[in-house]
N, C-alpha and C. Protein backbone atom coordinates (compact mmCIF):
# COMPACT_ATOMS: atom_id res chain seq x y z
N MET A 1 -8.46 -3.84 5.18
CA MET A 1 -8.77 -5.15 4.66
C MET A 1 -7.87 -5.47 3.47
N ARG A 2 -7.68 -4.50 2.56
CA ARG A 2 -6.86 -4.80 1.39
C ARG A 2 -5.40 -5.05 1.79
N TYR A 3 -4.95 -4.41 2.90
CA TYR A 3 -3.59 -4.64 3.35
C TYR A 3 -3.42 -6.06 3.88
N ILE A 4 -4.44 -6.58 4.52
CA ILE A 4 -4.39 -7.95 5.03
C ILE A 4 -4.31 -8.92 3.85
N ILE A 5 -5.09 -8.69 2.83
CA ILE A 5 -5.06 -9.55 1.65
C ILE A 5 -3.68 -9.49 0.99
N LEU A 6 -3.13 -8.30 0.85
CA LEU A 6 -1.79 -8.17 0.27
C LEU A 6 -0.74 -8.89 1.11
N MET A 7 -0.87 -8.77 2.42
CA MET A 7 0.07 -9.46 3.31
C MET A 7 -0.01 -10.97 3.11
N LEU A 8 -1.22 -11.51 3.02
CA LEU A 8 -1.39 -12.95 2.82
C LEU A 8 -0.80 -13.39 1.49
N LEU A 9 -0.99 -12.58 0.46
CA LEU A 9 -0.41 -12.89 -0.84
C LEU A 9 1.12 -12.86 -0.79
N CYS A 10 1.65 -11.90 -0.04
CA CYS A 10 3.11 -11.81 0.10
C CYS A 10 3.67 -13.07 0.73
N VAL A 11 3.02 -13.52 1.78
CA VAL A 11 3.48 -14.71 2.48
C VAL A 11 3.34 -15.93 1.58
N LYS A 12 2.20 -16.06 0.91
CA LYS A 12 1.95 -17.21 0.06
C LYS A 12 2.98 -17.31 -1.07
N TYR A 13 3.29 -16.20 -1.68
CA TYR A 13 4.20 -16.22 -2.81
C TYR A 13 5.64 -15.82 -2.44
N ARG A 14 5.90 -15.77 -1.15
CA ARG A 14 7.26 -15.50 -0.63
C ARG A 14 7.86 -14.22 -1.22
N MET A 15 7.06 -13.21 -1.24
CA MET A 15 7.51 -11.94 -1.81
C MET A 15 7.63 -10.87 -0.72
N LYS A 16 7.88 -11.30 0.47
CA LYS A 16 7.93 -10.36 1.59
C LYS A 16 8.95 -9.24 1.38
N LYS A 17 10.09 -9.59 0.85
CA LYS A 17 11.15 -8.59 0.72
C LYS A 17 10.79 -7.49 -0.28
N PHE A 18 9.93 -7.79 -1.22
CA PHE A 18 9.55 -6.80 -2.22
C PHE A 18 8.27 -6.06 -1.85
N LEU A 19 7.22 -6.78 -1.53
CA LEU A 19 5.92 -6.15 -1.35
C LEU A 19 5.72 -5.49 0.01
N LEU A 20 6.34 -5.99 1.03
CA LEU A 20 6.15 -5.36 2.34
C LEU A 20 6.65 -3.92 2.38
N PRO A 21 7.85 -3.65 1.85
CA PRO A 21 8.25 -2.23 1.82
C PRO A 21 7.34 -1.38 0.95
N MET A 22 6.85 -1.94 -0.17
CA MET A 22 5.92 -1.20 -1.04
C MET A 22 4.62 -0.91 -0.30
N LEU A 23 4.15 -1.89 0.44
CA LEU A 23 2.92 -1.73 1.21
C LEU A 23 3.09 -0.64 2.26
N PHE A 24 4.24 -0.67 2.93
CA PHE A 24 4.52 0.33 3.95
C PHE A 24 4.58 1.72 3.34
N MET A 25 5.25 1.86 2.19
CA MET A 25 5.37 3.16 1.55
C MET A 25 4.01 3.68 1.07
N SER A 26 3.16 2.79 0.56
CA SER A 26 1.85 3.25 0.09
C SER A 26 0.99 3.72 1.25
N SER A 27 1.14 3.09 2.41
CA SER A 27 0.37 3.54 3.56
C SER A 27 0.87 4.90 4.06
N LEU A 28 2.15 5.15 3.91
CA LEU A 28 2.70 6.45 4.31
C LEU A 28 2.23 7.56 3.37
N LEU A 29 2.17 7.26 2.09
CA LEU A 29 1.78 8.29 1.12
C LEU A 29 0.39 8.82 1.36
N ALA A 30 -0.51 7.98 1.84
CA ALA A 30 -1.89 8.41 2.06
C ALA A 30 -2.12 8.90 3.47
N SER A 31 -1.06 9.07 4.25
CA SER A 31 -1.25 9.42 5.65
C SER A 31 -1.19 10.92 5.92
N GLU A 32 -0.92 11.70 4.89
CA GLU A 32 -0.84 13.15 5.08
C GLU A 32 -1.50 13.87 3.91
N ILE A 33 -1.98 15.04 4.19
CA ILE A 33 -2.54 15.90 3.14
C ILE A 33 -1.37 16.55 2.41
N ASN A 34 -1.47 16.64 1.10
CA ASN A 34 -0.43 17.25 0.28
C ASN A 34 -0.61 18.77 0.29
N TRP A 35 -0.11 19.43 1.34
CA TRP A 35 -0.31 20.86 1.50
C TRP A 35 0.61 21.66 0.60
N ILE A 36 0.08 22.76 0.09
CA ILE A 36 0.84 23.79 -0.61
C ILE A 36 0.67 25.05 0.22
N HIS A 37 1.67 25.91 0.23
CA HIS A 37 1.61 27.11 1.07
C HIS A 37 1.64 28.41 0.26
N ASP A 38 1.37 28.29 -1.03
CA ASP A 38 1.35 29.47 -1.89
C ASP A 38 0.11 29.41 -2.78
N TYR A 39 -0.73 30.40 -2.65
CA TYR A 39 -2.00 30.42 -3.38
C TYR A 39 -1.80 30.44 -4.90
N ASP A 40 -0.86 31.25 -5.38
CA ASP A 40 -0.62 31.34 -6.82
C ASP A 40 -0.14 30.01 -7.40
N ASP A 41 0.74 29.32 -6.67
CA ASP A 41 1.19 28.00 -7.10
C ASP A 41 0.01 27.03 -7.16
N ALA A 42 -0.86 27.10 -6.16
CA ALA A 42 -2.02 26.21 -6.11
C ALA A 42 -2.94 26.45 -7.31
N LEU A 43 -3.13 27.71 -7.70
CA LEU A 43 -3.95 28.02 -8.87
C LEU A 43 -3.38 27.39 -10.14
N GLU A 44 -2.09 27.49 -10.29
CA GLU A 44 -1.44 26.90 -11.47
C GLU A 44 -1.62 25.38 -11.49
N ILE A 45 -1.39 24.75 -10.36
CA ILE A 45 -1.52 23.29 -10.27
C ILE A 45 -2.97 22.87 -10.50
N ALA A 46 -3.90 23.63 -9.93
CA ALA A 46 -5.32 23.32 -10.10
C ALA A 46 -5.73 23.37 -11.57
N LYS A 47 -5.21 24.35 -12.29
CA LYS A 47 -5.51 24.44 -13.73
C LYS A 47 -4.91 23.25 -14.48
N GLN A 48 -3.69 22.88 -14.14
CA GLN A 48 -3.04 21.76 -14.81
C GLN A 48 -3.75 20.44 -14.54
N GLN A 49 -4.20 20.25 -13.29
CA GLN A 49 -4.81 18.98 -12.89
C GLN A 49 -6.33 19.00 -12.97
N ASN A 50 -6.90 20.13 -13.37
CA ASN A 50 -8.35 20.29 -13.46
C ASN A 50 -9.04 19.93 -12.14
N LYS A 51 -8.54 20.52 -11.06
CA LYS A 51 -9.08 20.29 -9.73
C LYS A 51 -9.48 21.62 -9.11
N ASP A 52 -10.29 21.54 -8.08
CA ASP A 52 -10.62 22.71 -7.28
C ASP A 52 -9.59 22.83 -6.15
N ILE A 53 -9.67 23.94 -5.45
CA ILE A 53 -8.71 24.23 -4.38
C ILE A 53 -9.45 24.31 -3.05
N TYR A 54 -8.89 23.67 -2.03
CA TYR A 54 -9.37 23.84 -0.66
C TYR A 54 -8.32 24.68 0.06
N ILE A 55 -8.75 25.77 0.67
CA ILE A 55 -7.84 26.64 1.41
C ILE A 55 -8.23 26.63 2.88
N PHE A 56 -7.28 26.29 3.71
CA PHE A 56 -7.44 26.33 5.17
C PHE A 56 -6.57 27.47 5.67
N ILE A 57 -7.21 28.50 6.21
CA ILE A 57 -6.47 29.62 6.79
C ILE A 57 -6.53 29.48 8.30
N GLY A 58 -5.36 29.46 8.91
CA GLY A 58 -5.26 29.30 10.35
C GLY A 58 -4.27 30.29 10.94
N ALA A 59 -3.93 30.05 12.19
CA ALA A 59 -2.95 30.87 12.89
C ALA A 59 -2.13 29.95 13.79
N ASP A 60 -0.88 30.34 14.01
CA ASP A 60 0.02 29.49 14.77
C ASP A 60 -0.44 29.26 16.21
N ASP A 61 -1.05 30.26 16.81
CA ASP A 61 -1.44 30.15 18.21
C ASP A 61 -2.95 29.89 18.38
N CYS A 62 -3.60 29.41 17.35
CA CYS A 62 -5.04 29.19 17.38
C CYS A 62 -5.35 27.78 17.91
N ARG A 63 -5.95 27.71 19.07
CA ARG A 63 -6.25 26.39 19.65
C ARG A 63 -7.33 25.66 18.85
N PHE A 64 -8.23 26.40 18.21
CA PHE A 64 -9.26 25.75 17.40
C PHE A 64 -8.68 25.18 16.11
N CYS A 65 -7.63 25.82 15.59
CA CYS A 65 -6.95 25.29 14.40
C CYS A 65 -6.24 23.98 14.75
N VAL A 66 -5.59 23.95 15.90
CA VAL A 66 -4.92 22.73 16.36
C VAL A 66 -5.94 21.62 16.56
N LEU A 67 -7.06 21.95 17.16
CA LEU A 67 -8.13 20.97 17.38
C LEU A 67 -8.67 20.45 16.04
N PHE A 68 -8.87 21.34 15.08
CA PHE A 68 -9.35 20.95 13.76
C PHE A 68 -8.37 20.00 13.07
N LYS A 69 -7.09 20.32 13.15
CA LYS A 69 -6.07 19.45 12.55
C LYS A 69 -6.11 18.06 13.18
N LYS A 70 -6.27 18.03 14.49
CA LYS A 70 -6.26 16.76 15.21
C LYS A 70 -7.54 15.95 14.98
N LYS A 71 -8.68 16.61 15.03
CA LYS A 71 -9.98 15.91 14.98
C LYS A 71 -10.49 15.64 13.57
N ALA A 72 -10.00 16.38 12.58
CA ALA A 72 -10.52 16.19 11.21
C ALA A 72 -9.40 15.92 10.20
N LEU A 73 -8.42 16.81 10.16
CA LEU A 73 -7.42 16.72 9.10
C LEU A 73 -6.45 15.56 9.24
N SER A 74 -6.47 14.88 10.36
CA SER A 74 -5.60 13.72 10.55
C SER A 74 -6.31 12.41 10.26
N LYS A 75 -7.57 12.48 9.89
CA LYS A 75 -8.38 11.27 9.66
C LYS A 75 -8.25 10.79 8.21
N LYS A 76 -8.16 9.49 8.06
CA LYS A 76 -7.90 8.87 6.77
C LYS A 76 -8.91 9.28 5.70
N ALA A 77 -10.19 9.27 6.03
CA ALA A 77 -11.22 9.60 5.03
C ALA A 77 -11.07 11.03 4.54
N VAL A 78 -10.73 11.95 5.43
CA VAL A 78 -10.55 13.35 5.06
C VAL A 78 -9.29 13.50 4.21
N ILE A 79 -8.20 12.87 4.64
CA ILE A 79 -6.94 12.94 3.90
C ILE A 79 -7.12 12.43 2.47
N GLU A 80 -7.74 11.27 2.35
CA GLU A 80 -7.92 10.68 1.03
C GLU A 80 -8.79 11.56 0.14
N ARG A 81 -9.85 12.08 0.72
CA ARG A 81 -10.76 12.90 -0.10
C ARG A 81 -10.11 14.20 -0.53
N LEU A 82 -9.42 14.87 0.37
CA LEU A 82 -8.75 16.12 0.00
C LEU A 82 -7.67 15.87 -1.04
N ASN A 83 -6.85 14.83 -0.84
CA ASN A 83 -5.79 14.54 -1.80
C ASN A 83 -6.33 14.15 -3.17
N GLU A 84 -7.48 13.49 -3.19
CA GLU A 84 -8.04 13.04 -4.45
C GLU A 84 -8.78 14.15 -5.20
N GLU A 85 -9.53 14.98 -4.47
CA GLU A 85 -10.43 15.92 -5.11
C GLU A 85 -9.93 17.36 -5.18
N TYR A 86 -8.96 17.73 -4.35
CA TYR A 86 -8.57 19.13 -4.23
C TYR A 86 -7.06 19.32 -4.25
N ILE A 87 -6.68 20.51 -4.60
CA ILE A 87 -5.34 21.00 -4.32
C ILE A 87 -5.50 21.70 -2.97
N SER A 88 -4.81 21.23 -1.96
CA SER A 88 -5.00 21.73 -0.60
C SER A 88 -3.93 22.77 -0.26
N VAL A 89 -4.41 23.89 0.26
CA VAL A 89 -3.54 25.01 0.60
C VAL A 89 -3.72 25.32 2.08
N TYR A 90 -2.61 25.35 2.82
CA TYR A 90 -2.66 25.82 4.20
C TYR A 90 -1.92 27.14 4.26
N LEU A 91 -2.61 28.16 4.75
CA LEU A 91 -2.02 29.48 4.92
C LEU A 91 -2.17 29.91 6.37
N SER A 92 -1.05 30.10 7.03
CA SER A 92 -1.05 30.62 8.38
C SER A 92 -0.98 32.14 8.28
N ARG A 93 -1.88 32.81 8.96
CA ARG A 93 -1.85 34.28 8.89
C ARG A 93 -0.59 34.83 9.57
N ASP A 94 0.13 33.97 10.29
CA ASP A 94 1.36 34.39 10.96
C ASP A 94 2.61 34.13 10.11
N GLN A 95 2.49 33.30 9.05
CA GLN A 95 3.69 32.91 8.31
C GLN A 95 3.60 33.10 6.80
N HIS A 96 2.41 33.09 6.24
CA HIS A 96 2.27 33.07 4.79
C HIS A 96 1.61 34.34 4.25
N ILE A 97 1.81 34.55 2.97
CA ILE A 97 1.14 35.66 2.29
C ILE A 97 -0.25 35.19 1.90
N ILE A 98 -1.25 35.92 2.38
CA ILE A 98 -2.64 35.57 2.11
C ILE A 98 -3.24 36.65 1.22
N PRO A 99 -3.76 36.27 0.06
CA PRO A 99 -4.37 37.27 -0.81
C PRO A 99 -5.45 38.07 -0.08
N PHE A 100 -5.54 39.33 -0.40
CA PHE A 100 -6.40 40.26 0.33
C PHE A 100 -7.88 39.87 0.30
N HIS A 101 -8.33 39.15 -0.69
CA HIS A 101 -9.76 38.84 -0.77
C HIS A 101 -10.18 37.68 0.13
N PHE A 102 -9.25 37.10 0.87
CA PHE A 102 -9.59 36.06 1.85
C PHE A 102 -9.56 36.65 3.25
N GLU A 103 -10.61 36.43 4.00
CA GLU A 103 -10.72 36.92 5.37
C GLU A 103 -9.77 36.12 6.27
N THR A 104 -9.05 36.83 7.13
CA THR A 104 -8.09 36.15 8.02
C THR A 104 -8.48 36.22 9.49
N GLN A 105 -9.53 36.93 9.78
CA GLN A 105 -10.01 36.99 11.17
C GLN A 105 -11.01 35.87 11.39
N GLY A 106 -11.03 35.33 12.58
CA GLY A 106 -11.95 34.25 12.89
C GLY A 106 -11.52 32.95 12.24
N VAL A 107 -10.38 32.46 12.64
CA VAL A 107 -9.86 31.20 12.10
C VAL A 107 -10.25 30.05 13.02
N PRO A 108 -10.32 28.85 12.49
CA PRO A 108 -9.99 28.43 11.14
C PRO A 108 -11.05 28.83 10.12
N ARG A 109 -10.55 29.16 8.94
CA ARG A 109 -11.39 29.54 7.80
C ARG A 109 -11.19 28.52 6.69
N HIS A 110 -12.25 28.27 5.96
CA HIS A 110 -12.22 27.28 4.88
C HIS A 110 -12.79 27.92 3.62
N TYR A 111 -12.01 27.88 2.55
CA TYR A 111 -12.46 28.39 1.27
C TYR A 111 -12.34 27.29 0.22
N PHE A 112 -13.33 27.22 -0.64
CA PHE A 112 -13.32 26.29 -1.76
C PHE A 112 -13.35 27.13 -3.02
N VAL A 113 -12.32 26.96 -3.84
CA VAL A 113 -12.09 27.84 -4.97
C VAL A 113 -11.95 26.99 -6.23
N GLY A 114 -12.57 27.44 -7.30
CA GLY A 114 -12.40 26.76 -8.58
C GLY A 114 -11.04 27.05 -9.17
N SER A 115 -10.66 26.31 -10.19
CA SER A 115 -9.36 26.54 -10.82
C SER A 115 -9.32 27.89 -11.53
N ASP A 116 -10.49 28.53 -11.65
CA ASP A 116 -10.55 29.88 -12.22
C ASP A 116 -10.33 30.97 -11.17
N GLY A 117 -10.16 30.57 -9.91
CA GLY A 117 -9.90 31.53 -8.84
C GLY A 117 -11.14 32.06 -8.15
N LYS A 118 -12.33 31.60 -8.56
CA LYS A 118 -13.57 32.08 -7.95
C LYS A 118 -13.97 31.20 -6.76
N VAL A 119 -14.27 31.85 -5.64
CA VAL A 119 -14.72 31.13 -4.44
C VAL A 119 -16.15 30.65 -4.67
N PHE A 120 -16.39 29.35 -4.49
CA PHE A 120 -17.75 28.83 -4.64
C PHE A 120 -18.34 28.39 -3.31
N HIS A 121 -17.53 28.33 -2.26
CA HIS A 121 -18.06 28.02 -0.92
C HIS A 121 -17.04 28.45 0.11
N ASP A 122 -17.54 28.96 1.24
CA ASP A 122 -16.65 29.27 2.35
C ASP A 122 -17.34 28.93 3.66
N ASP A 123 -16.54 28.71 4.68
CA ASP A 123 -17.05 28.32 5.99
C ASP A 123 -15.98 28.69 7.00
N ARG A 124 -16.34 28.59 8.25
CA ARG A 124 -15.31 28.80 9.28
C ARG A 124 -15.64 27.97 10.49
N GLY A 125 -14.61 27.72 11.27
CA GLY A 125 -14.77 26.97 12.50
C GLY A 125 -14.08 25.62 12.47
N SER A 126 -13.93 25.08 13.66
CA SER A 126 -13.33 23.77 13.83
C SER A 126 -14.41 22.71 13.76
N ARG A 127 -14.13 21.62 13.09
CA ARG A 127 -15.08 20.51 12.97
C ARG A 127 -14.35 19.21 13.26
N GLU A 128 -15.13 18.22 13.63
CA GLU A 128 -14.59 16.88 13.71
C GLU A 128 -14.75 16.25 12.34
N GLU A 129 -14.30 15.02 12.18
CA GLU A 129 -14.26 14.37 10.88
C GLU A 129 -15.59 14.41 10.13
N ASP A 130 -16.67 13.96 10.74
CA ASP A 130 -17.96 13.92 10.06
C ASP A 130 -18.44 15.31 9.68
N GLY A 131 -18.23 16.27 10.55
CA GLY A 131 -18.62 17.64 10.25
C GLY A 131 -17.86 18.22 9.08
N PHE A 132 -16.58 17.92 9.00
CA PHE A 132 -15.80 18.44 7.88
C PHE A 132 -16.16 17.73 6.58
N LEU A 133 -16.42 16.43 6.66
CA LEU A 133 -16.87 15.72 5.45
C LEU A 133 -18.18 16.31 4.95
N SER A 134 -19.03 16.76 5.87
CA SER A 134 -20.28 17.43 5.47
C SER A 134 -19.99 18.75 4.77
N ILE A 135 -18.98 19.48 5.25
CA ILE A 135 -18.59 20.73 4.59
C ILE A 135 -18.11 20.44 3.17
N LEU A 136 -17.37 19.37 2.99
CA LEU A 136 -16.91 19.00 1.65
C LEU A 136 -18.11 18.68 0.75
N ASP A 137 -19.10 18.00 1.31
CA ASP A 137 -20.33 17.71 0.54
C ASP A 137 -21.05 19.00 0.17
N GLU A 138 -21.17 19.91 1.13
CA GLU A 138 -21.83 21.20 0.86
C GLU A 138 -21.09 21.97 -0.22
N ALA A 139 -19.77 21.94 -0.17
CA ALA A 139 -18.98 22.65 -1.19
C ALA A 139 -19.26 22.08 -2.57
N GLU A 140 -19.35 20.77 -2.67
CA GLU A 140 -19.64 20.15 -3.96
C GLU A 140 -21.01 20.59 -4.49
N LEU A 141 -21.99 20.70 -3.59
CA LEU A 141 -23.31 21.15 -4.01
C LEU A 141 -23.29 22.60 -4.46
N GLN A 142 -22.50 23.43 -3.79
CA GLN A 142 -22.41 24.85 -4.16
C GLN A 142 -21.74 25.04 -5.50
N LYS A 143 -20.88 24.13 -5.85
CA LYS A 143 -20.13 24.23 -7.11
C LYS A 143 -21.04 24.06 -8.31
N GLU A 144 -22.08 23.27 -8.15
CA GLU A 144 -22.95 22.93 -9.28
C GLU A 144 -23.90 24.03 -9.62
């Protein structure tokens, strides 16, 4: 809805050449999760930004991980919430170094970690958008 209003304003004030590219770029920025692939880097950023960390541990050949990415992690509400509230970390057990205290069997795995490095909620399994948003709600409750 807000994009339609901006488009109408652009046309009304003949600012198409300026605002349309800006509008396009802003829609691209919110279309992906800002993944980090190093846990230690994520801890540093979380401390700087005073945010918690969401860790998704998967595997390259995991069909449930692919399904989770498609059914939940590609949805606008999930992307916006993760980018706004968390430092998001994706660790593939086939490609990345995973700290020993995180379980790597039975993926996809989900960990919610404070900026102090303490896990306050964990879960596993593939979810669709609403199910994953519920996990985010549960994690917030566990944090308190």
